[in-house]
Every structure is written in structure tokens, then in C-alpha cells.
Amino acid sequence: MFALKTLCRPAALQLLRLFSTKTLPTLTLFTKFILQQVDISLPENKLWWDKYKWDIPVFHLEGRYAMKHRVDMTLLDKLLQDIETQKT
């Protein structure tokens, strides 16, 4: 699989995966999703390193690519709302 760190896991939250390196500061404002940080510089994450080494941070939401280079809060909020709408 890949090395990851789960910061919190309340059942109702969405999974947002952040592809990064240990030198990039982790975001601190998380209320609507679970942050799972993947250190792409680790040998077991070579696939992600090859794919994203020039693009970090890269975000996947619910297993699908969402954004890269920076957090677009408007887009993130829309994506989270879309997922919530699909669940109802």
C-alpha cells in the first residue's frame, strides 16, 4: 500500500488524501473531512513520487484527483457538498 498518517477518523467525515513530502507544512483547518497525509518521498510511495514530485501538494478526495499546487477552498467546499448531496 502506501505509508500514511491519519489525523482523525469521525465516521461522518469524507476522506481527503494529501500527497506531499515531510518538508511541506501540513494544513491545520480540517472539519469536514479526514486528512490522510502520504509522504511521497518514502521508497514505498515511489509510484506517487513519480506521478506528483513536481506538483505537491496534490489532493485526492474519496480516491479521485481533486486539486494540486495549492488548496482552492471554494472548489474543496463544492466537492464536499457534491459528495454530501450524492449520499442523500
Protein backbone atom coordinates (compact mmCIF):
# COMPACT_ATOMS: atom_id res chain seq x y z
CA MET A 1 0.00 0.00 0.00
CA PHE A 2 1.49 3.36 0.95
CA ALA A 3 2.68 4.98 4.16
CA LEU A 4 0.13 7.35 5.57
CA LYS A 5 -0.83 9.17 8.71
CA THR A 6 -4.49 9.53 9.69
CA LEU A 7 -5.10 12.62 11.82
CA CYS A 8 -8.71 11.93 12.85
CA ARG A 9 -11.47 9.49 11.94
CA PRO A 10 -15.04 10.54 12.88
CA ALA A 11 -17.40 8.29 10.89
CA ALA A 12 -19.36 11.02 9.05
CA LEU A 13 -16.35 12.81 7.57
CA GLN A 14 -15.06 12.49 3.99
CA LEU A 15 -11.55 11.24 3.21
CA LEU A 16 -9.20 13.84 1.71
CA ARG A 17 -5.77 12.43 0.82
CA LEU A 18 -2.83 14.86 0.64
CA PHE A 19 0.23 13.80 -1.38
CA SER A 20 3.20 15.75 -0.07
CA THR A 21 6.68 15.44 1.43
CA LYS A 22 7.73 15.76 5.06
CA THR A 23 9.15 19.23 4.36
CA LEU A 24 5.79 20.72 3.32
CA PRO A 25 3.76 22.02 6.29
CA THR A 26 0.54 20.13 6.95
CA LEU A 27 -2.70 22.08 6.76
CA THR A 28 -4.39 22.69 10.09
CA LEU A 29 -8.03 23.57 9.31
CA PHE A 30 -9.90 20.29 8.98
CA THR A 31 -13.53 19.97 9.94
CA LYS A 32 -15.41 18.38 7.01
CA PHE A 33 -13.00 15.59 6.13
CA ILE A 34 -10.30 13.27 7.36
CA LEU A 35 -6.78 14.19 6.31
CA GLN A 36 -4.56 11.32 5.32
CA GLN A 37 -1.04 12.52 4.55
CA VAL A 38 1.06 10.41 2.17
CA ASP A 39 4.81 11.13 2.24
CA ILE A 40 5.73 10.60 -1.41
CA SER A 41 9.45 10.78 -0.62
CA LEU A 42 9.35 7.36 1.09
CA PRO A 43 10.54 4.41 -1.03
CA GLU A 44 7.21 2.57 -0.71
CA ASN A 45 5.46 5.57 -2.31
CA LYS A 46 7.65 5.71 -5.43
CA LEU A 47 4.60 5.45 -7.69
CA TRP A 48 3.20 8.67 -6.19
CA TRP A 49 6.64 10.34 -6.25
CA ASP A 50 6.95 9.63 -9.97
CA LYS A 51 3.47 10.98 -10.58
CA TYR A 52 3.43 14.06 -8.29
CA LYS A 53 7.03 15.09 -7.47
CA TRP A 54 6.65 18.44 -9.29
CA ASP A 55 3.07 19.11 -8.23
CA ILE A 56 2.86 18.88 -4.43
CA PRO A 57 0.69 19.36 -2.62
CA VAL A 58 -1.75 17.16 -4.51
CA PHE A 59 -5.17 16.28 -3.13
CA HIS A 60 -7.39 13.28 -3.77
CA LEU A 61 -10.94 13.32 -2.40
CA GLU A 62 -12.65 9.96 -1.95
CA GLY A 63 -9.94 8.30 -4.06
CA ARG A 64 -10.10 10.72 -7.01
CA TYR A 65 -7.85 13.62 -8.00
CA ALA A 66 -9.20 16.95 -6.70
CA MET A 67 -6.50 19.66 -6.97
CA LYS A 68 -2.77 20.39 -6.89
CA HIS A 69 -0.21 23.11 -6.03
CA ARG A 70 -2.50 24.88 -3.52
CA VAL A 71 -5.81 24.49 -1.75
CA ASP A 72 -8.74 26.03 -3.58
CA MET A 73 -11.16 26.35 -0.66
CA THR A 74 -14.09 27.21 -2.94
CA LEU A 75 -13.51 24.10 -5.04
CA LEU A 76 -12.94 21.93 -1.96
CA ASP A 77 -16.18 23.14 -0.39
CA LYS A 78 -18.06 22.46 -3.64
CA LEU A 79 -16.59 18.96 -3.96
CA LEU A 80 -17.52 18.15 -0.36
CA GLN A 81 -21.06 19.47 -0.87
CA ASP A 82 -21.41 17.42 -4.06
CA ILE A 83 -20.43 14.26 -2.18
CA GLU A 84 -22.91 15.03 0.60
CA THR A 85 -25.66 15.63 -1.97
CA GLN A 86 -24.92 12.29 -3.66
CA LYS A 87 -25.23 10.48 -0.32
CA THR A 88 -28.75 11.78 0.37
